[in-house]
Structure formats: structure tokens, C-alpha cells
PDB file of N, CA and C in Angstrom:
ATOM      1  N   MET A   1      99.564  96.543 103.751  1.00  0.00           N
ATOM      2  CA  MET A   1      98.929  94.938 104.446  1.00  0.00           C
ATOM      3  C   MET A   1     100.318  94.376 105.035  1.00  0.00           C
ATOM      4  N   GLU A   2     100.058  94.066 106.589  1.00  0.00           N
ATOM      5  CA  GLU A   2     101.448  93.405 106.727  1.00  0.00           C
ATOM      6  C   GLU A   2     100.749  91.934 106.777  1.00  0.00           C
ATOM      7  N   THR A   3     101.793  90.978 106.610  1.00  0.00           N
ATOM      8  CA  THR A   3     102.074  89.807 106.801  1.00  0.00           C
ATOM      9  C   THR A   3     102.217  89.243 107.591  1.00  0.00           C
ATOM     10  N   SER A   4     101.472  88.482 108.325  1.00  0.00           N
ATOM     11  CA  SER A   4     101.941  87.427 109.651  1.00  0.00           C
ATOM     12  C   SER A   4     103.140  86.617 109.564  1.00  0.00           C
ATOM     13  N   ASN A   5     103.604  86.601 110.356  1.00  0.00           N
ATOM     14  CA  ASN A   5     104.912  85.462 110.441  1.00  0.00           C
ATOM     15  C   ASN A   5     104.662  84.449 110.171  1.00  0.00           C
ATOM     16  N   THR A   6     103.267  83.980 110.322  1.00  0.00           N
ATOM     17  CA  THR A   6     102.928  82.518 110.156  1.00  0.00           C
ATOM     18  C   THR A   6     102.622  82.217 108.681  1.00  0.00           C
ATOM     19  N   GLU A   7     102.224  83.262 107.662  1.00  0.00           N
ATOM     20  CA  GLU A   7     102.119  83.006 106.432  1.00  0.00           C
ATOM     21  C   GLU A   7     103.356  82.761 105.481  1.00  0.00           C
ATOM     22  N   ILE A   8     104.283  83.412 106.550  1.00  0.00           N
ATOM     23  CA  ILE A   8     105.631  83.421 106.053  1.00  0.00           C
ATOM     24  C   ILE A   8     106.183  81.970 106.331  1.00  0.00           C
ATOM     25  N   ASP A   9     105.960  81.802 107.410  1.00  0.00           N
ATOM     26  CA  ASP A   9     106.530  79.905 108.102  1.00  0.00           C
ATOM     27  C   ASP A   9     105.930  78.842 107.343  1.00  0.00           C
ATOM     28  N   GLN A  10     104.378  79.248 106.865  1.00  0.00           N
ATOM     29  CA  GLN A  10     103.758  78.613 106.133  1.00  0.00           C
ATOM     30  C   GLN A  10     103.940  78.197 104.823  1.00  0.00           C
ATOM     31  N   LEU A  11     104.782  79.592 104.247  1.00  0.00           N
ATOM     32  CA  LEU A  11     105.106  79.105 102.897  1.00  0.00           C
ATOM     33  C   LEU A  11     106.638  78.255 102.634  1.00  0.00           C
ATOM     34  N   ALA A  12     107.322  78.365 103.779  1.00  0.00           N
ATOM     35  CA  ALA A  12     108.365  77.814 103.971  1.00  0.00           C
ATOM     36  C   ALA A  12     108.190  76.174 104.073  1.00  0.00           C
ATOM     37  N   GLU A  13     107.061  75.919 105.154  1.00  0.00           N
ATOM     38  CA  GLU A  13     106.445  74.470 105.220  1.00  0.00           C
ATOM     39  C   GLU A  13     106.264  73.840 104.240  1.00  0.00           C
ATOM     40  N   THR A  14     105.317  74.626 103.145  1.00  0.00           N
ATOM     41  CA  THR A  14     104.885  73.887 101.696  1.00  0.00           C
ATOM     42  C   THR A  14     106.390  73.415 101.161  1.00  0.00           C
ATOM     43  N   LEU A  15     107.179  74.120 101.391  1.00  0.00           N
ATOM     44  CA  LEU A  15     108.429  74.157 100.471  1.00  0.00           C
ATOM     45  C   LEU A  15     109.642  73.033 101.048  1.00  0.00           C
ATOM     46  N   GLY A  16     108.699  72.393 102.326  1.00  0.00           N
ATOM     47  CA  GLY A  16     109.690  71.453 103.220  1.00  0.00           C
ATOM     48  C   GLY A  16     110.965  72.020 104.014  1.00  0.00           C
ATOM     49  N   GLY A  17     110.502  73.508 104.364  1.00  0.00           N
ATOM     50  CA  GLY A  17     111.924  74.238 105.270  1.00  0.00           C
ATOM     51  C   GLY A  17     110.928  74.322 106.560  1.00  0.00           C
ATOM     52  N   TYR A  18     111.771  75.068 107.263  1.00  0.00           N
ATOM     53  CA  TYR A  18     111.226  75.351 108.699  1.00  0.00           C
ATOM     54  C   TYR A  18     112.451  76.533 109.401  1.00  0.00           C
ATOM     55  N   CYS A  19     111.647  77.296 110.030  1.00  0.00           N
ATOM     56  CA  CYS A  19     112.411  78.782 110.674  1.00  0.00           C
ATOM     57  C   CYS A  19     112.971  78.186 111.885  1.00  0.00           C
ATOM     58  N   TYR A  20     114.566  78.337 111.885  1.00  0.00           N
ATOM     59  CA  TYR A  20     115.326  77.854 113.090  1.00  0.00           C
ATOM     60  C   TYR A  20     115.891  78.867 113.870  1.00  0.00           C
ATOM     61  N   LYS A  21     115.522  80.064 113.482  1.00  0.00           N
ATOM     62  CA  LYS A  21     116.087  81.205 114.061  1.00  0.00           C
ATOM     63  C   LYS A  21     115.178  82.344 113.955  1.00  0.00           C
ATOM     64  N   SER A  22     114.627  83.296 114.975  1.00  0.00           N
ATOM     65  CA  SER A  22     113.869  84.423 114.644  1.00  0.00           C
ATOM     66  C   SER A  22     114.460  85.525 115.692  1.00  0.00           C
ATOM     67  N   GLN A  23     114.638  86.661 115.176  1.00  0.00           N
ATOM     68  CA  GLN A  23     115.404  87.668 116.229  1.00  0.00           C
ATOM     69  C   GLN A  23     114.413  89.209 115.669  1.00  0.00           C
ATOM     70  N   VAL A  24     114.569  90.099 116.687  1.00  0.00           N
ATOM     71  CA  VAL A  24     114.174  91.218 116.399  1.00  0.00           C
ATOM     72  C   VAL A  24     115.601  92.178 116.826  1.00  0.00           C
ATOM     73  N   SER A  25     115.651  93.169 115.968  1.00  0.00           N
ATOM     74  CA  SER A  25     116.677  93.994 116.254  1.00  0.00           C
ATOM     75  C   SER A  25     116.412  95.657 115.908  1.00  0.00           C
ATOM     76  N   GLU A  26     116.986  96.769 116.275  1.00  0.00           N
ATOM     77  CA  GLU A  26     116.789  97.926 115.915  1.00  0.00           C
ATOM     78  C   GLU A  26     116.657  97.966 114.386  1.00  0.00           C
ATOM     79  N   HIS A  27     117.174  97.304 113.346  1.00  0.00           N
ATOM     80  CA  HIS A  27     116.430  97.391 112.206  1.00  0.00           C
ATOM     81  C   HIS A  27     115.194  96.812 111.571  1.00  0.00           C
ATOM     82  N   GLY A  28     115.015  95.867 112.197  1.00  0.00           N
ATOM     83  CA  GLY A  28     113.781  95.342 111.974  1.00  0.00           C
ATOM     84  C   GLY A  28     113.238  93.666 112.745  1.00  0.00           C
ATOM     85  N   PHE A  29     113.100  92.690 111.858  1.00  0.00           N
ATOM     86  CA  PHE A  29     112.720  91.340 112.510  1.00  0.00           C
ATOM     87  C   PHE A  29     113.546  90.515 111.274  1.00  0.00           C
ATOM     88  N   TYR A  30     113.955  89.653 111.909  1.00  0.00           N
ATOM     89  CA  TYR A  30     114.813  88.575 110.942  1.00  0.00           C
ATOM     90  C   TYR A  30     114.531  87.279 111.115  1.00  0.00           C
ATOM     91  N   GLN A  31     114.122  86.446 110.371  1.00  0.00           N
ATOM     92  CA  GLN A  31     114.081  85.082 110.323  1.00  0.00           C
ATOM     93  C   GLN A  31     115.300  84.311 109.125  1.00  0.00           C
ATOM     94  N   SER A  32     115.651  82.896 110.016  1.00  0.00           N
ATOM     95  CA  SER A  32     116.582  82.007 109.192  1.00  0.00           C
ATOM     96  C   SER A  32     115.428  80.849 109.180  1.00  0.00           C
ATOM     97  N   PHE A  33     115.846  80.287 107.927  1.00  0.00           N
ATOM     98  CA  PHE A  33     114.912  79.379 107.501  1.00  0.00           C
ATOM     99  C   PHE A  33     116.036  78.176 107.053  1.00  0.00           C
ATOM    100  N   PHE A  34     115.569  76.771 107.408  1.00  0.00           N
ATOM    101  CA  PHE A  34     116.487  75.690 106.696  1.00  0.00           C
ATOM    102  C   PHE A  34     115.712  74.821 105.669  1.00  0.00           C
ATOM    103  N   PHE A  35     115.908  74.470 104.754  1.00  0.00           N
ATOM    104  CA  PHE A  35     115.834  73.779 103.815  1.00  0.00           C
ATOM    105  C   PHE A  35     116.552  72.389 103.115  1.00  0.00           C
ATOM    106  N   GLU A  36     115.977  71.358 103.141  1.00  0.00           N
ATOM    107  CA  GLU A  36     116.821  70.331 103.153  1.00  0.00           C
ATOM    108  C   GLU A  36     117.333  70.249 101.548  1.00  0.00           C
ATOM    109  N   LYS A  37     116.423  70.531 100.962  1.00  0.00           N
ATOM    110  CA  LYS A  37     116.797  70.866  99.152  1.00  0.00           C
ATOM    111  C   LYS A  37     116.900  72.123  98.731  1.00  0.00           C
ATOM    112  N   GLU A  38     118.178  72.202  97.869  1.00  0.00           N
ATOM    113  CA  GLU A  38     118.601  73.311  97.635  1.00  0.00           C
ATOM    114  C   GLU A  38     117.290  74.334  96.578  1.00  0.00           C
ATOM    115  N   ALA A  39     116.628  73.441  95.649  1.00  0.00           N
ATOM    116  CA  ALA A  39     115.589  73.700  94.845  1.00  0.00           C
ATOM    117  C   ALA A  39     114.743  74.334  95.602  1.00  0.00           C
ATOM    118  N   ASN A  40     114.421  73.844  96.601  1.00  0.00           N
ATOM    119  CA  ASN A  40     113.088  74.228  97.540  1.00  0.00           C
ATOM    120  C   ASN A  40     113.711  75.692  98.061  1.00  0.00           C
ATOM    121  N   ALA A  41     114.858  75.941  98.521  1.00  0.00           N
ATOM    122  CA  ALA A  41     115.350  76.903  99.178  1.00  0.00           C
ATOM    123  C   ALA A  41     115.314  78.061  98.120  1.00  0.00           C
ATOM    124  N   LYS A  42     116.221  77.926  96.599  1.00  0.00           N
ATOM    125  CA  LYS A  42     115.551  78.377  96.107  1.00  0.00           C
ATOM    126  C   LYS A  42     114.392  79.453  95.549  1.00  0.00           C
ATOM    127  N   GLN A  43     113.532  78.395  95.420  1.00  0.00           N
ATOM    128  CA  GLN A  43     112.067  78.936  95.125  1.00  0.00           C
ATOM    129  C   GLN A  43     111.316  79.330  96.516  1.00  0.00           C
ATOM    130  N   PHE A  44     111.827  79.637  97.464  1.00  0.00           N
ATOM    131  CA  PHE A  44     111.524  80.197  98.946  1.00  0.00           C
ATOM    132  C   PHE A  44     112.114  81.572  98.694  1.00  0.00           C
ATOM    133  N   PHE A  45     113.032  81.372  97.925  1.00  0.00           N
ATOM    134  CA  PHE A  45     114.063  82.908  97.587  1.00  0.00           C
ATOM    135  C   PHE A  45     113.221  83.676  96.993  1.00  0.00           C
ATOM    136  N   ILE A  46     112.801  83.066  96.079  1.00  0.00           N
ATOM    137  CA  ILE A  46     111.814  83.571  94.946  1.00  0.00           C
ATOM    138  C   ILE A  46     110.543  83.970  95.716  1.00  0.00           C
ATOM    139  N   ASP A  47     109.472  83.277  95.994  1.00  0.00           N
ATOM    140  CA  ASP A  47     108.355  83.512  96.714  1.00  0.00           C
ATOM    141  C   ASP A  47     108.045  84.089  97.788  1.00  0.00           C
ATOM    142  N   VAL A  48     108.904  84.441  98.565  1.00  0.00           N
ATOM    143  CA  VAL A  48     109.045  85.041  99.843  1.00  0.00           C
ATOM    144  C   VAL A  48     108.747  86.604  99.425  1.00  0.00           C
ATOM    145  N   PHE A  49     109.187  87.019  98.315  1.00  0.00           N
ATOM    146  CA  PHE A  49     109.060  88.311  97.859  1.00  0.00           C
ATOM    147  C   PHE A  49     107.912  89.212  97.320  1.00  0.00           C
ATOM    148  N   ARG A  50     106.907  88.446  97.414  1.00  0.00           N
ATOM    149  CA  ARG A  50     105.467  88.329  97.128  1.00  0.00           C
ATOM    150  C   ARG A  50     104.768  89.487  98.308  1.00  0.00           C
ATOM    151  N   PHE A  51     105.464  88.970  99.567  1.00  0.00           N
ATOM    152  CA  PHE A  51     105.079  89.917 101.028  1.00  0.00           C
ATOM    153  C   PHE A  51     105.745  91.080 101.138  1.00  0.00           C
ATOM    154  N   PRO A  52     104.804  92.348 100.954  1.00  0.00           N
ATOM    155  CA  PRO A  52     105.385  93.710 100.849  1.00  0.00           C
ATOM    156  C   PRO A  52     106.546  93.711 101.791  1.00  0.00           C
ATOM    157  N   GLU A  53     106.683  93.456 102.865  1.00  0.00           N
ATOM    158  CA  GLU A  53     107.523  93.558 104.084  1.00  0.00           C
ATOM    159  C   GLU A  53     108.740  93.061 103.665  1.00  0.00           C
ATOM    160  N   VAL A  54     108.784  91.876 102.875  1.00  0.00           N
ATOM    161  CA  VAL A  54     110.105  91.443 102.671  1.00  0.00           C
ATOM    162  C   VAL A  54     110.848  92.210 101.666  1.00  0.00           C
ATOM    163  N   ILE A  55     112.101  92.676 102.415  1.00  0.00           N
ATOM    164  CA  ILE A  55     113.115  93.773 101.548  1.00  0.00           C
ATOM    165  C   ILE A  55     114.117  93.116 101.236  1.00  0.00           C
ATOM    166  N   SER A  56     114.836  92.069 102.049  1.00  0.00           N
ATOM    167  CA  SER A  56     116.136  91.642 101.640  1.00  0.00           C
ATOM    168  C   SER A  56     115.839  90.086 101.821  1.00  0.00           C
ATOM    169  N   VAL A  57     116.583  89.244 101.353  1.00  0.00           N
ATOM    170  CA  VAL A  57     116.898  87.623 101.367  1.00  0.00           C
ATOM    171  C   VAL A  57     118.187  87.523 101.291  1.00  0.00           C
ATOM    172  N   GLY A  58     118.885  86.393 102.129  1.00  0.00           N
ATOM    173  CA  GLY A  58     119.796  86.229 101.950  1.00  0.00           C
ATOM    174  C   GLY A  58     119.794  84.598 101.336  1.00  0.00           C
ATOM    175  N   PHE A  59     121.090  84.136 100.900  1.00  0.00           N
ATOM    176  CA  PHE A  59     121.162  82.697 100.716  1.00  0.00           C
ATOM    177  C   PHE A  59     122.413  81.985 101.378  1.00  0.00           C
ATOM    178  N   ASP A  60     122.443  81.460 102.109  1.00  0.00           N
ATOM    179  CA  ASP A  60     123.887  80.873 102.641  1.00  0.00           C
ATOM    180  C   ASP A  60     123.689  79.235 102.720  1.00  0.00           C
ATOM    181  N   GLN A  61     124.782  78.647 101.936  1.00  0.00           N
ATOM    182  CA  GLN A  61     125.080  77.222 101.969  1.00  0.00           C
ATOM    183  C   GLN A  61     125.502  76.399 103.034  1.00  0.00           C
ATOM    184  N   SER A  62     126.320  77.834 103.891  1.00  0.00           N
ATOM    185  CA  SER A  62     127.188  76.746 105.018  1.00  0.00           C
ATOM    186  C   SER A  62     126.559  75.700 106.060  1.00  0.00           C
ATOM    187  N   LEU A  63     125.406  75.540 105.925  1.00  0.00           N
ATOM    188  CA  LEU A  63     124.337  74.966 107.139  1.00  0.00           C
ATOM    189  C   LEU A  63     124.393  73.294 106.878  1.00  0.00           C
TER     190      LEU A  63
END
């Protein structure tokens, strides 16, 4: 079962975040999300793995 990008976007929104960059490459579809609160970003990091097509998540604090 595939998840729509909307479902992942909604998860981010419920945690106070938003998608600020999307791109498609030969390796797949990538999205970057921004969260003002680190705790919300960490919760998203955990929760997003409930979607079966999510295979990798990175955490970048440089923004």
C-alpha cells in the first residue's frame, strides 16, 4: 500500500512543520521538512516510519 505525499505532509503539519523542498531523482522522491521545535522534528522522525515506503530519514539542525 502506497502512502500519498499528502499523508506525510499532514503528519508534519500536525507537529507544526511543513515541507519546504520536494525533488525527484533516479533514486526516488525526496522531501525536506522544517520544524520550529526540535521535539516536534524528533517526533516526526519517529512517526514517519509508519509509512512503508519511507526507507530513510535524516536530521539536519543547520537551518
